[in-house]
Amino acid sequence: MVGPGDTASAVGSGNVEVLATPRLLALMEAATVQAGAAELAPGQTSVGTRVQIEHMRPSPVGAEITVHARLAEVHGRQMRFEVAAEHADGTLVASGQVTRAVVDADKFMARAGGA
């Protein structure tokens, strides 16, 4: 459900009380993490590398949103997902693609300076 903290006004991406595109993208990325989990070996994680979404319809506070992610292609370390978000009545809110790269979690964090 879209809450007050999910709005464009709240996250700074606009001044309207509807689901913010950055928040929608975060929901879509979270869905890809779940959809790609079975592709990962122990010690691996995936990181977002490319996003292409079209946010087509507004969603006011209180709207129920369902996000779907489908693993469409695996090419080497790259996983490409088809993503979509819908209102409770099935109306398409957004769709697109998210690409994630499979990495060794410890090595990635060491390179990032966080290990």
PDB file of N, CA and C in Angstrom:
ATOM      1  N   MET A   1       0.843  -1.176   0.000  1.00  0.00           N
ATOM      2  CA  MET A   1       0.000   0.000   0.000  1.00  0.00           C
ATOM      3  C   MET A   1       0.892   1.245   0.000  1.00  0.00           C
ATOM      4  N   VAL A   2       0.518   2.215  -0.811  1.00  0.00           N
ATOM      5  CA  VAL A   2       1.257   3.474  -0.872  1.00  0.00           C
ATOM      6  C   VAL A   2       1.003   4.238   0.422  1.00  0.00           C
ATOM      7  N   GLY A   3       2.081   4.558   1.126  1.00  0.00           N
ATOM      8  CA  GLY A   3       1.980   5.318   2.361  1.00  0.00           C
ATOM      9  C   GLY A   3       2.478   6.739   2.167  1.00  0.00           C
ATOM     10  N   PRO A   4       2.264   7.604   3.145  1.00  0.00           N
ATOM     11  CA  PRO A   4       2.719   8.988   3.039  1.00  0.00           C
ATOM     12  C   PRO A   4       4.222   9.111   2.783  1.00  0.00           C
ATOM     13  N   GLY A   5       5.016   8.189   3.306  1.00  0.00           N
ATOM     14  CA  GLY A   5       6.462   8.230   3.099  1.00  0.00           C
ATOM     15  C   GLY A   5       6.909   7.775   1.728  1.00  0.00           C
ATOM     16  N   ASP A   6       5.981   7.239   0.928  1.00  0.00           N
ATOM     17  CA  ASP A   6       6.296   6.749  -0.417  1.00  0.00           C
ATOM     18  C   ASP A   6       6.049   7.789  -1.502  1.00  0.00           C
ATOM     19  N   THR A   7       5.568   8.955  -1.131  1.00  0.00           N
ATOM     20  CA  THR A   7       5.149   9.941  -2.129  1.00  0.00           C
ATOM     21  C   THR A   7       6.315  10.757  -2.675  1.00  0.00           C
ATOM     22  N   ALA A   8       6.054  11.355  -3.829  1.00  0.00           N
ATOM     23  CA  ALA A   8       7.059  12.226  -4.445  1.00  0.00           C
ATOM     24  C   ALA A   8       7.415  13.372  -3.500  1.00  0.00           C
ATOM     25  N   SER A   9       6.432  13.916  -2.810  1.00  0.00           N
ATOM     26  CA  SER A   9       6.708  14.993  -1.848  1.00  0.00           C
ATOM     27  C   SER A   9       7.642  14.528  -0.745  1.00  0.00           C
ATOM     28  N   ALA A  10       7.427  13.322  -0.256  1.00  0.00           N
ATOM     29  CA  ALA A  10       8.222  12.809   0.864  1.00  0.00           C
ATOM     30  C   ALA A  10       9.654  12.488   0.471  1.00  0.00           C
ATOM     31  N   VAL A  11       9.870  11.958  -0.729  1.00  0.00           N
ATOM     32  CA  VAL A  11      11.229  11.553  -1.112  1.00  0.00           C
ATOM     33  C   VAL A  11      11.970  12.633  -1.886  1.00  0.00           C
ATOM     34  N   GLY A  12      11.286  13.736  -2.207  1.00  0.00           N
ATOM     35  CA  GLY A  12      11.957  14.852  -2.864  1.00  0.00           C
ATOM     36  C   GLY A  12      12.028  14.761  -4.378  1.00  0.00           C
ATOM     37  N   SER A  13      11.204  13.902  -4.978  1.00  0.00           N
ATOM     38  CA  SER A  13      11.245  13.791  -6.439  1.00  0.00           C
ATOM     39  C   SER A  13      10.105  14.557  -7.108  1.00  0.00           C
ATOM     40  N   GLY A  14       9.381  15.320  -6.334  1.00  0.00           N
ATOM     41  CA  GLY A  14       8.269  16.111  -6.848  1.00  0.00           C
ATOM     42  C   GLY A  14       7.518  16.723  -5.693  1.00  0.00           C
ATOM     43  N   ASN A  15       6.387  17.340  -6.005  1.00  0.00           N
ATOM     44  CA  ASN A  15       5.622  17.992  -4.935  1.00  0.00           C
ATOM     45  C   ASN A  15       4.164  17.542  -4.930  1.00  0.00           C
ATOM     46  N   VAL A  16       3.949  16.272  -5.305  1.00  0.00           N
ATOM     47  CA  VAL A  16       2.594  15.722  -5.309  1.00  0.00           C
ATOM     48  C   VAL A  16       2.536  14.497  -4.405  1.00  0.00           C
ATOM     49  N   GLU A  17       1.336  14.214  -3.921  1.00  0.00           N
ATOM     50  CA  GLU A  17       1.126  13.118  -2.966  1.00  0.00           C
ATOM     51  C   GLU A  17       0.726  11.831  -3.684  1.00  0.00           C
ATOM     52  N   VAL A  18       1.603  11.365  -4.568  1.00  0.00           N
ATOM     53  CA  VAL A  18       1.418  10.095  -5.274  1.00  0.00           C
ATOM     54  C   VAL A  18       2.712   9.299  -5.158  1.00  0.00           C
ATOM     55  N   LEU A  19       2.638   8.005  -5.478  1.00  0.00           N
ATOM     56  CA  LEU A  19       3.811   7.140  -5.408  1.00  0.00           C
ATOM     57  C   LEU A  19       4.958   7.734  -6.221  1.00  0.00           C
ATOM     58  N   ALA A  20       6.088   7.926  -5.559  1.00  0.00           N
ATOM     59  CA  ALA A  20       7.276   8.487  -6.205  1.00  0.00           C
ATOM     60  C   ALA A  20       7.937   7.444  -7.099  1.00  0.00           C
ATOM     61  N   THR A  21       8.418   7.889  -8.245  1.00  0.00           N
ATOM     62  CA  THR A  21       9.121   6.977  -9.146  1.00  0.00           C
ATOM     63  C   THR A  21      10.323   6.324  -8.466  1.00  0.00           C
ATOM     64  N   PRO A  22      11.146   7.056  -7.683  1.00  0.00           N
ATOM     65  CA  PRO A  22      12.259   6.378  -7.003  1.00  0.00           C
ATOM     66  C   PRO A  22      11.792   5.278  -6.047  1.00  0.00           C
ATOM     67  N   ARG A  23      10.674   5.484  -5.384  1.00  0.00           N
ATOM     68  CA  ARG A  23      10.139   4.458  -4.474  1.00  0.00           C
ATOM     69  C   ARG A  23       9.618   3.263  -5.270  1.00  0.00           C
ATOM     70  N   LEU A  24       8.962   3.531  -6.393  1.00  0.00           N
ATOM     71  CA  LEU A  24       8.495   2.461  -7.272  1.00  0.00           C
ATOM     72  C   LEU A  24       9.675   1.636  -7.770  1.00  0.00           C
ATOM     73  N   LEU A  25      10.735   2.301  -8.168  1.00  0.00           N
ATOM     74  CA  LEU A  25      11.932   1.592  -8.626  1.00  0.00           C
ATOM     75  C   LEU A  25      12.498   0.714  -7.514  1.00  0.00           C
ATOM     76  N   ALA A  26      12.527   1.212  -6.288  1.00  0.00           N
ATOM     77  CA  ALA A  26      13.029   0.406  -5.167  1.00  0.00           C
ATOM     78  C   ALA A  26      12.181  -0.854  -4.982  1.00  0.00           C
ATOM     79  N   LEU A  27      10.868  -0.734  -5.124  1.00  0.00           N
ATOM     80  CA  LEU A  27       9.994  -1.905  -5.020  1.00  0.00           C
ATOM     81  C   LEU A  27      10.278  -2.898  -6.147  1.00  0.00           C
ATOM     82  N   MET A  28      10.508  -2.374  -7.339  1.00  0.00           N
ATOM     83  CA  MET A  28      10.806  -3.242  -8.480  1.00  0.00           C
ATOM     84  C   MET A  28      12.146  -3.949  -8.289  1.00  0.00           C
ATOM     85  N   GLU A  29      13.146  -3.222  -7.812  1.00  0.00           N
ATOM     86  CA  GLU A  29      14.446  -3.856  -7.573  1.00  0.00           C
ATOM     87  C   GLU A  29      14.336  -4.928  -6.492  1.00  0.00           C
ATOM     88  N   ALA A  30      13.570  -4.663  -5.447  1.00  0.00           N
ATOM     89  CA  ALA A  30      13.384  -5.671  -4.398  1.00  0.00           C
ATOM     90  C   ALA A  30      12.743  -6.935  -4.974  1.00  0.00           C
ATOM     91  N   ALA A  31      11.811  -6.769  -5.894  1.00  0.00           N
ATOM     92  CA  ALA A  31      11.180  -7.931  -6.529  1.00  0.00           C
ATOM     93  C   ALA A  31      12.190  -8.719  -7.359  1.00  0.00           C
ATOM     94  N   THR A  32      13.136  -8.025  -8.011  1.00  0.00           N
ATOM     95  CA  THR A  32      14.152  -8.741  -8.798  1.00  0.00           C
ATOM     96  C   THR A  32      15.109  -9.506  -7.895  1.00  0.00           C
ATOM     97  N   VAL A  33      15.410  -8.962  -6.727  1.00  0.00           N
ATOM     98  CA  VAL A  33      16.274  -9.674  -5.777  1.00  0.00           C
ATOM     99  C   VAL A  33      15.633 -11.014  -5.420  1.00  0.00           C
ATOM    100  N   GLN A  34      14.343 -10.988  -5.125  1.00  0.00           N
ATOM    101  CA  GLN A  34      13.630 -12.223  -4.788  1.00  0.00           C
ATOM    102  C   GLN A  34      13.554 -13.170  -5.986  1.00  0.00           C
ATOM    103  N   ALA A  35      13.259 -12.633  -7.156  1.00  0.00           N
ATOM    104  CA  ALA A  35      13.092 -13.471  -8.348  1.00  0.00           C
ATOM    105  C   ALA A  35      14.402 -14.110  -8.803  1.00  0.00           C
ATOM    106  N   GLY A  36      15.534 -13.488  -8.477  1.00  0.00           N
ATOM    107  CA  GLY A  36      16.826 -14.018  -8.905  1.00  0.00           C
ATOM    108  C   GLY A  36      17.563 -14.817  -7.859  1.00  0.00           C
ATOM    109  N   ALA A  37      16.992 -14.942  -6.673  1.00  0.00           N
ATOM    110  CA  ALA A  37      17.695 -15.591  -5.559  1.00  0.00           C
ATOM    111  C   ALA A  37      18.121 -17.019  -5.874  1.00  0.00           C
ATOM    112  N   ALA A  38      17.325 -17.755  -6.609  1.00  0.00           N
ATOM    113  CA  ALA A  38      17.644 -19.157  -6.909  1.00  0.00           C
ATOM    114  C   ALA A  38      18.853 -19.304  -7.834  1.00  0.00           C
ATOM    115  N   GLU A  39      19.240 -18.230  -8.506  1.00  0.00           N
ATOM    116  CA  GLU A  39      20.385 -18.267  -9.422  1.00  0.00           C
ATOM    117  C   GLU A  39      21.720 -18.084  -8.696  1.00  0.00           C
ATOM    118  N   LEU A  40      21.683 -17.734  -7.420  1.00  0.00           N
ATOM    119  CA  LEU A  40      22.894 -17.379  -6.682  1.00  0.00           C
ATOM    120  C   LEU A  40      23.451 -18.557  -5.903  1.00  0.00           C
ATOM    121  N   ALA A  41      24.770 -18.687  -5.934  1.00  0.00           N
ATOM    122  CA  ALA A  41      25.475 -19.677  -5.124  1.00  0.00           C
ATOM    123  C   ALA A  41      25.744 -19.065  -3.747  1.00  0.00           C
ATOM    124  N   PRO A  42      26.062 -19.893  -2.750  1.00  0.00           N
ATOM    125  CA  PRO A  42      26.418 -19.345  -1.437  1.00  0.00           C
ATOM    126  C   PRO A  42      27.563 -18.334  -1.571  1.00  0.00           C
ATOM    127  N   GLY A  43      27.433 -17.217  -0.870  1.00  0.00           N
ATOM    128  CA  GLY A  43      28.449 -16.172  -0.912  1.00  0.00           C
ATOM    129  C   GLY A  43      28.255 -15.166  -2.032  1.00  0.00           C
ATOM    130  N   GLN A  44      27.303 -15.420  -2.915  1.00  0.00           N
ATOM    131  CA  GLN A  44      27.030 -14.487  -4.000  1.00  0.00           C
ATOM    132  C   GLN A  44      25.842 -13.600  -3.653  1.00  0.00           C
ATOM    133  N   THR A  45      25.814 -12.442  -4.283  1.00  0.00           N
ATOM    134  CA  THR A  45      24.660 -11.556  -4.241  1.00  0.00           C
ATOM    135  C   THR A  45      24.523 -10.965  -5.630  1.00  0.00           C
ATOM    136  N   SER A  46      23.516 -10.147  -5.820  1.00  0.00           N
ATOM    137  CA  SER A  46      23.390  -9.457  -7.100  1.00  0.00           C
ATOM    138  C   SER A  46      23.248  -7.971  -6.831  1.00  0.00           C
ATOM    139  N   VAL A  47      23.749  -7.185  -7.774  1.00  0.00           N
ATOM    140  CA  VAL A  47      23.701  -5.728  -7.661  1.00  0.00           C
ATOM    141  C   VAL A  47      23.078  -5.163  -8.932  1.00  0.00           C
ATOM    142  N   GLY A  48      22.308  -4.117  -8.770  1.00  0.00           N
ATOM    143  CA  GLY A  48      21.675  -3.485  -9.919  1.00  0.00           C
ATOM    144  C   GLY A  48      22.698  -2.775 -10.783  1.00  0.00           C
ATOM    145  N   THR A  49      22.574  -2.952 -12.097  1.00  0.00           N
ATOM    146  CA  THR A  49      23.508  -2.318 -13.032  1.00  0.00           C
ATOM    147  C   THR A  49      22.815  -1.487 -14.099  1.00  0.00           C
ATOM    148  N   ARG A  50      21.553  -1.777 -14.375  1.00  0.00           N
ATOM    149  CA  ARG A  50      20.844  -1.033 -15.421  1.00  0.00           C
ATOM    150  C   ARG A  50      19.352  -1.088 -15.125  1.00  0.00           C
ATOM    151  N   VAL A  51      18.687   0.047 -15.331  1.00  0.00           N
ATOM    152  CA  VAL A  51      17.251   0.141 -15.095  1.00  0.00           C
ATOM    153  C   VAL A  51      16.616   0.912 -16.245  1.00  0.00           C
ATOM    154  N   GLN A  52      15.499   0.390 -16.716  1.00  0.00           N
ATOM    155  CA  GLN A  52      14.706   1.101 -17.713  1.00  0.00           C
ATOM    156  C   GLN A  52      13.244   0.861 -17.363  1.00  0.00           C
ATOM    157  N   ILE A  53      12.575   1.891 -16.847  1.00  0.00           N
ATOM    158  CA  ILE A  53      11.163   1.734 -16.504  1.00  0.00           C
ATOM    159  C   ILE A  53      10.367   2.898 -17.074  1.00  0.00           C
ATOM    160  N   GLU A  54       9.105   2.620 -17.318  1.00  0.00           N
ATOM    161  CA  GLU A  54       8.158   3.653 -17.715  1.00  0.00           C
ATOM    162  C   GLU A  54       7.072   3.690 -16.648  1.00  0.00           C
ATOM    163  N   HIS A  55       6.970   4.825 -15.970  1.00  0.00           N
ATOM    164  CA  HIS A  55       5.978   5.026 -14.911  1.00  0.00           C
ATOM    165  C   HIS A  55       4.796   5.731 -15.568  1.00  0.00           C
ATOM    166  N   MET A  56       3.707   4.996 -15.800  1.00  0.00           N
ATOM    167  CA  MET A  56       2.622   5.471 -16.657  1.00  0.00           C
ATOM    168  C   MET A  56       1.421   6.064 -15.939  1.00  0.00           C
ATOM    169  N   ARG A  57       1.181   5.639 -14.684  1.00  0.00           N
ATOM    170  CA  ARG A  57      -0.025   6.090 -13.995  1.00  0.00           C
ATOM    171  C   ARG A  57       0.283   6.459 -12.550  1.00  0.00           C
ATOM    172  N   PRO A  58      -0.402   7.482 -12.024  1.00  0.00           N
ATOM    173  CA  PRO A  58      -0.198   7.851 -10.623  1.00  0.00           C
ATOM    174  C   PRO A  58      -0.908   6.883  -9.681  1.00  0.00           C
ATOM    175  N   SER A  59      -0.377   6.798  -8.474  1.00  0.00           N
ATOM    176  CA  SER A  59      -0.964   5.958  -7.425  1.00  0.00           C
ATOM    177  C   SER A  59      -1.032   6.791  -6.152  1.00  0.00           C
ATOM    178  N   PRO A  60      -2.236   7.151  -5.704  1.00  0.00           N
ATOM    179  CA  PRO A  60      -2.365   7.994  -4.519  1.00  0.00           C
ATOM    180  C   PRO A  60      -2.066   7.227  -3.236  1.00  0.00           C
ATOM    181  N   VAL A  61      -1.890   7.969  -2.163  1.00  0.00           N
ATOM    182  CA  VAL A  61      -1.726   7.357  -0.845  1.00  0.00           C
ATOM    183  C   VAL A  61      -2.930   6.450  -0.594  1.00  0.00           C
ATOM    184  N   GLY A  62      -2.662   5.239  -0.134  1.00  0.00           N
ATOM    185  CA  GLY A  62      -3.706   4.259   0.124  1.00  0.00           C
ATOM    186  C   GLY A  62      -3.888   3.253  -0.997  1.00  0.00           C
ATOM    187  N   ALA A  63      -3.325   3.529  -2.170  1.00  0.00           N
ATOM    188  CA  ALA A  63      -3.472   2.604  -3.300  1.00  0.00           C
ATOM    189  C   ALA A  63      -2.693   1.319  -3.037  1.00  0.00           C
ATOM    190  N   GLU A  64      -3.292   0.204  -3.431  1.00  0.00           N
ATOM    191  CA  GLU A  64      -2.622  -1.100  -3.351  1.00  0.00           C
ATOM    192  C   GLU A  64      -1.844  -1.305  -4.644  1.00  0.00           C
ATOM    193  N   ILE A  65      -0.558  -1.595  -4.515  1.00  0.00           N
ATOM    194  CA  ILE A  65       0.315  -1.816  -5.667  1.00  0.00           C
ATOM    195  C   ILE A  65       0.900  -3.215  -5.552  1.00  0.00           C
ATOM    196  N   THR A  66       0.879  -3.951  -6.652  1.00  0.00           N
ATOM    197  CA  THR A  66       1.532  -5.253  -6.721  1.00  0.00           C
ATOM    198  C   THR A  66       2.655  -5.147  -7.737  1.00  0.00           C
ATOM    199  N   VAL A  67       3.845  -5.609  -7.348  1.00  0.00           N
ATOM    200  CA  VAL A  67       5.014  -5.555  -8.228  1.00  0.00           C
ATOM    201  C   VAL A  67       5.413  -6.977  -8.590  1.00  0.00           C
ATOM    202  N   HIS A  68       5.674  -7.189  -9.869  1.00  0.00           N
ATOM    203  CA  HIS A  68       6.084  -8.497 -10.378  1.00  0.00           C
ATOM    204  C   HIS A  68       7.450  -8.371 -11.039  1.00  0.00           C
ATOM    205  N   ALA A  69       8.281  -9.388 -10.872  1.00  0.00           N
ATOM    206  CA  ALA A  69       9.565  -9.465 -11.581  1.00  0.00           C
ATOM    207  C   ALA A  69       9.713 -10.883 -12.111  1.00  0.00           C
ATOM    208  N   ARG A  70      10.102 -10.978 -13.372  1.00  0.00           N
ATOM    209  CA  ARG A  70      10.306 -12.277 -14.010  1.00  0.00           C
ATOM    210  C   ARG A  70      11.709 -12.302 -14.589  1.00  0.00           C
ATOM    211  N   LEU A  71      12.469 -13.341 -14.240  1.00  0.00           N
ATOM    212  CA  LEU A  71      13.807 -13.501 -14.801  1.00  0.00           C
ATOM    213  C   LEU A  71      13.647 -13.864 -16.270  1.00  0.00           C
ATOM    214  N   ALA A  72      14.045 -12.962 -17.150  1.00  0.00           N
ATOM    215  CA  ALA A  72      13.845 -13.146 -18.587  1.00  0.00           C
ATOM    216  C   ALA A  72      15.063 -13.737 -19.276  1.00  0.00           C
ATOM    217  N   GLU A  73      16.263 -13.440 -18.747  1.00  0.00           N
ATOM    218  CA  GLU A  73      17.480 -13.889 -19.427  1.00  0.00           C
ATOM    219  C   GLU A  73      18.651 -13.905 -18.450  1.00  0.00           C
ATOM    220  N   VAL A  74      19.482 -14.932 -18.573  1.00  0.00           N
ATOM    221  CA  VAL A  74      20.752 -14.998 -17.846  1.00  0.00           C
ATOM    222  C   VAL A  74      21.839 -15.112 -18.897  1.00  0.00           C
ATOM    223  N   HIS A  75      22.786 -14.183 -18.838  1.00  0.00           N
ATOM    224  CA  HIS A  75      23.895 -14.198 -19.791  1.00  0.00           C
ATOM    225  C   HIS A  75      25.180 -13.969 -18.994  1.00  0.00           C
ATOM    226  N   GLY A  76      25.908 -15.044 -18.735  1.00  0.00           N
ATOM    227  CA  GLY A  76      27.098 -14.925 -17.890  1.00  0.00           C
ATOM    228  C   GLY A  76      26.686 -14.500 -16.497  1.00  0.00           C
ATOM    229  N   ARG A  77      27.272 -13.402 -16.032  1.00  0.00           N
ATOM    230  CA  ARG A  77      26.950 -12.885 -14.696  1.00  0.00           C
ATOM    231  C   ARG A  77      25.737 -11.952 -14.701  1.00  0.00           C
ATOM    232  N   GLN A  78      25.202 -11.661 -15.864  1.00  0.00           N
ATOM    233  CA  GLN A  78      24.092 -10.711 -15.978  1.00  0.00           C
ATOM    234  C   GLN A  78      22.742 -11.420 -15.942  1.00  0.00           C
ATOM    235  N   MET A  79      21.833 -10.891 -15.139  1.00  0.00           N
ATOM    236  CA  MET A  79      20.455 -11.375 -15.096  1.00  0.00           C
ATOM    237  C   MET A  79      19.551 -10.214 -15.499  1.00  0.00           C
ATOM    238  N   ARG A  80      18.725 -10.433 -16.518  1.00  0.00           N
ATOM    239  CA  ARG A  80      17.799  -9.394 -16.964  1.00  0.00           C
ATOM    240  C   ARG A  80      16.380  -9.792 -16.569  1.00  0.00           C
ATOM    241  N   PHE A  81      15.695  -8.873 -15.924  1.00  0.00           N
ATOM    242  CA  PHE A  81      14.340  -9.097 -15.429  1.00  0.00           C
ATOM    243  C   PHE A  81      13.347  -8.189 -16.147  1.00  0.00           C
ATOM    244  N   GLU A  82      12.166  -8.721 -16.411  1.00  0.00           N
ATOM    245  CA  GLU A  82      11.023  -7.922 -16.846  1.00  0.00           C
ATOM    246  C   GLU A  82      10.255  -7.584 -15.574  1.00  0.00           C
ATOM    247  N   VAL A  83       9.927  -6.311 -15.389  1.00  0.00           N
ATOM    248  CA  VAL A  83       9.235  -5.879 -14.177  1.00  0.00           C
ATOM    249  C   VAL A  83       7.942  -5.152 -14.537  1.00  0.00           C
ATOM    250  N   ALA A  84       6.979  -5.234 -13.642  1.00  0.00           N
ATOM    251  CA  ALA A  84       5.712  -4.527 -13.828  1.00  0.00           C
ATOM    252  C   ALA A  84       5.108  -4.235 -12.460  1.00  0.00           C
ATOM    253  N   ALA A  85       4.357  -3.154 -12.398  1.00  0.00           N
ATOM    254  CA  ALA A  85       3.600  -2.796 -11.196  1.00  0.00           C
ATOM    255  C   ALA A  85       2.161  -2.541 -11.616  1.00  0.00           C
ATOM    256  N   GLU A  86       1.222  -3.017 -10.795  1.00  0.00           N
ATOM    257  CA  GLU A  86      -0.203  -2.889 -11.109  1.00  0.00           C
ATOM    258  C   GLU A  86      -0.976  -2.405  -9.893  1.00  0.00           C
ATOM    259  N   HIS A  87      -2.058  -1.684 -10.167  1.00  0.00           N
ATOM    260  CA  HIS A  87      -3.023  -1.373  -9.121  1.00  0.00           C
ATOM    261  C   HIS A  87      -3.804  -2.644  -8.800  1.00  0.00           C
ATOM    262  N   ALA A  88      -4.544  -2.631  -7.716  1.00  0.00           N
ATOM    263  CA  ALA A  88      -5.314  -3.801  -7.288  1.00  0.00           C
ATOM    264  C   ALA A  88      -6.314  -4.259  -8.346  1.00  0.00           C
ATOM    265  N   ASP A  89      -6.789  -3.333  -9.183  1.00  0.00           N
ATOM    266  CA  ASP A  89      -7.755  -3.697 -10.228  1.00  0.00           C
ATOM    267  C   ASP A  89      -7.080  -4.217 -11.497  1.00  0.00           C
ATOM    268  N   GLY A  90      -5.748  -4.358 -11.466  1.00  0.00           N
ATOM    269  CA  GLY A  90      -5.008  -4.869 -12.612  1.00  0.00           C
ATOM    270  C   GLY A  90      -4.507  -3.807 -13.569  1.00  0.00           C
ATOM    271  N   THR A  91      -4.817  -2.546 -13.322  1.00  0.00           N
ATOM    272  CA  THR A  91      -4.344  -1.467 -14.180  1.00  0.00           C
ATOM    273  C   THR A  91      -2.827  -1.362 -14.083  1.00  0.00           C
ATOM    274  N   LEU A  92      -2.176  -1.334 -15.232  1.00  0.00           N
ATOM    275  CA  LEU A  92      -0.718  -1.247 -15.266  1.00  0.00           C
ATOM    276  C   LEU A  92      -0.267   0.141 -14.833  1.00  0.00           C
ATOM    277  N   VAL A  93       0.617   0.191 -13.845  1.00  0.00           N
ATOM    278  CA  VAL A  93       1.170   1.438 -13.329  1.00  0.00           C
ATOM    279  C   VAL A  93       2.517   1.725 -13.974  1.00  0.00           C
ATOM    280  N   ALA A  94       3.334   0.680 -14.119  1.00  0.00           N
ATOM    281  CA  ALA A  94       4.680   0.849 -14.665  1.00  0.00           C
ATOM    282  C   ALA A  94       5.175  -0.489 -15.188  1.00  0.00           C
ATOM    283  N   SER A  95       6.114  -0.417 -16.128  1.00  0.00           N
ATOM    284  CA  SER A  95       6.747  -1.635 -16.624  1.00  0.00           C
ATOM    285  C   SER A  95       8.154  -1.297 -17.091  1.00  0.00           C
ATOM    286  N   GLY A  96       8.969  -2.326 -17.254  1.00  0.00           N
ATOM    287  CA  GLY A  96      10.322  -2.095 -17.732  1.00  0.00           C
ATOM    288  C   GLY A  96      11.224  -3.281 -17.522  1.00  0.00           C
ATOM    289  N   GLN A  97      12.511  -2.985 -17.465  1.00  0.00           N
ATOM    290  CA  GLN A  97      13.540  -4.006 -17.304  1.00  0.00           C
ATOM    291  C   GLN A  97      14.548  -3.552 -16.258  1.00  0.00           C
ATOM    292  N   VAL A  98      15.051  -4.517 -15.507  1.00  0.00           N
ATOM    293  CA  VAL A  98      16.125  -4.288 -14.542  1.00  0.00           C
ATOM    294  C   VAL A  98      17.183  -5.349 -14.795  1.00  0.00           C
ATOM    295  N   THR A  99      18.440  -4.924 -14.892  1.00  0.00           N
ATOM    296  CA  THR A  99      19.551  -5.859 -15.047  1.00  0.00           C
ATOM    297  C   THR A  99      20.363  -5.852 -13.765  1.00  0.00           C
ATOM    298  N   ARG A 100      20.717  -7.048 -13.309  1.00  0.00           N
ATOM    299  CA  ARG A 100      21.527  -7.211 -12.110  1.00  0.00           C
ATOM    300  C   ARG A 100      22.738  -8.059 -12.452  1.00  0.00           C
ATOM    301  N   ALA A 101      23.867  -7.772 -11.819  1.00  0.00           N
ATOM    302  CA  ALA A 101      25.090  -8.555 -11.997  1.00  0.00           C
ATOM    303  C   ALA A 101      25.308  -9.416 -10.764  1.00  0.00           C
ATOM    304  N   VAL A 102      25.678 -10.669 -10.990  1.00  0.00           N
ATOM    305  CA  VAL A 102      25.995 -11.589  -9.897  1.00  0.00           C
ATOM    306  C   VAL A 102      27.441 -11.336  -9.483  1.00  0.00           C
ATOM    307  N   VAL A 103      27.657 -11.118  -8.184  1.00  0.00           N
ATOM    308  CA  VAL A 103      28.996 -10.835  -7.662  1.00  0.00           C
ATOM    309  C   VAL A 103      29.240 -11.636  -6.386  1.00  0.00           C
ATOM    310  N   ASP A 104      30.510 -11.807  -6.053  1.00  0.00           N
ATOM    311  CA  ASP A 104      30.898 -12.353  -4.757  1.00  0.00           C
ATOM    312  C   ASP A 104      30.688 -11.238  -3.734  1.00  0.00           C
ATOM    313  N   ALA A 105      29.857 -11.477  -2.740  1.00  0.00           N
ATOM    314  CA  ALA A 105      29.474 -10.427  -1.794  1.00  0.00           C
ATOM    315  C   ALA A 105      30.668  -9.855  -1.038  1.00  0.00           C
ATOM    316  N   ASP A 106      31.561 -10.708  -0.533  1.00  0.00           N
ATOM    317  CA  ASP A 106      32.708 -10.217   0.237  1.00  0.00           C
ATOM    318  C   ASP A 106      33.660  -9.405  -0.628  1.00  0.00           C
ATOM    319  N   LYS A 107      33.961  -9.897  -1.823  1.00  0.00           N
ATOM    320  CA  LYS A 107      34.864  -9.169  -2.725  1.00  0.00           C
ATOM    321  C   LYS A 107      34.256  -7.832  -3.138  1.00  0.00           C
ATOM    322  N   PHE A 108      32.972  -7.833  -3.395  1.00  0.00           N
ATOM    323  CA  PHE A 108      32.296  -6.600  -3.783  1.00  0.00           C
ATOM    324  C   PHE A 108      32.394  -5.560  -2.671  1.00  0.00           C
ATOM    325  N   MET A 109      32.111  -5.980  -1.445  1.00  0.00           N
ATOM    326  CA  MET A 109      32.177  -5.044  -0.320  1.00  0.00           C
ATOM    327  C   MET A 109      33.600  -4.573  -0.062  1.00  0.00           C
ATOM    328  N   ALA A 110      34.584  -5.446  -0.267  1.00  0.00           N
ATOM    329  CA  ALA A 110      35.980  -5.035  -0.097  1.00  0.00           C
ATOM    330  C   ALA A 110      36.334  -3.947  -1.109  1.00  0.00           C
ATOM    331  N   ARG A 111      35.895  -4.115  -2.353  1.00  0.00           N
ATOM    332  CA  ARG A 111      36.159  -3.100  -3.383  1.00  0.00           C
ATOM    333  C   ARG A 111      35.428  -1.803  -3.076  1.00  0.00           C
ATOM    334  N   ALA A 112      34.267  -1.923  -2.459  1.00  0.00           N
ATOM    335  CA  ALA A 112      33.479  -0.739  -2.129  1.00  0.00           C
ATOM    336  C   ALA A 112      34.006  -0.031  -0.881  1.00  0.00           C
ATOM    337  N   GLY A 113      34.947  -0.665  -0.189  1.00  0.00           N
ATOM    338  CA  GLY A 113      35.503  -0.069   1.015  1.00  0.00           C
ATOM    339  C   GLY A 113      34.666  -0.324   2.251  1.00  0.00           C
ATOM    340  N   GLY A 114      33.748  -1.284   2.167  1.00  0.00           N
ATOM    341  CA  GLY A 114      32.870  -1.541   3.302  1.00  0.00           C
ATOM    342  C   GLY A 114      33.156  -2.822   4.043  1.00  0.00           C
ATOM    343  N   ALA A 115      34.290  -3.471   3.739  1.00  0.00           N
ATOM    344  CA  ALA A 115      34.579  -4.729   4.442  1.00  0.00           C
ATOM    345  C   ALA A 115      35.833  -4.600   5.271  1.00  0.00           C
TER     346      ALA A 115
END
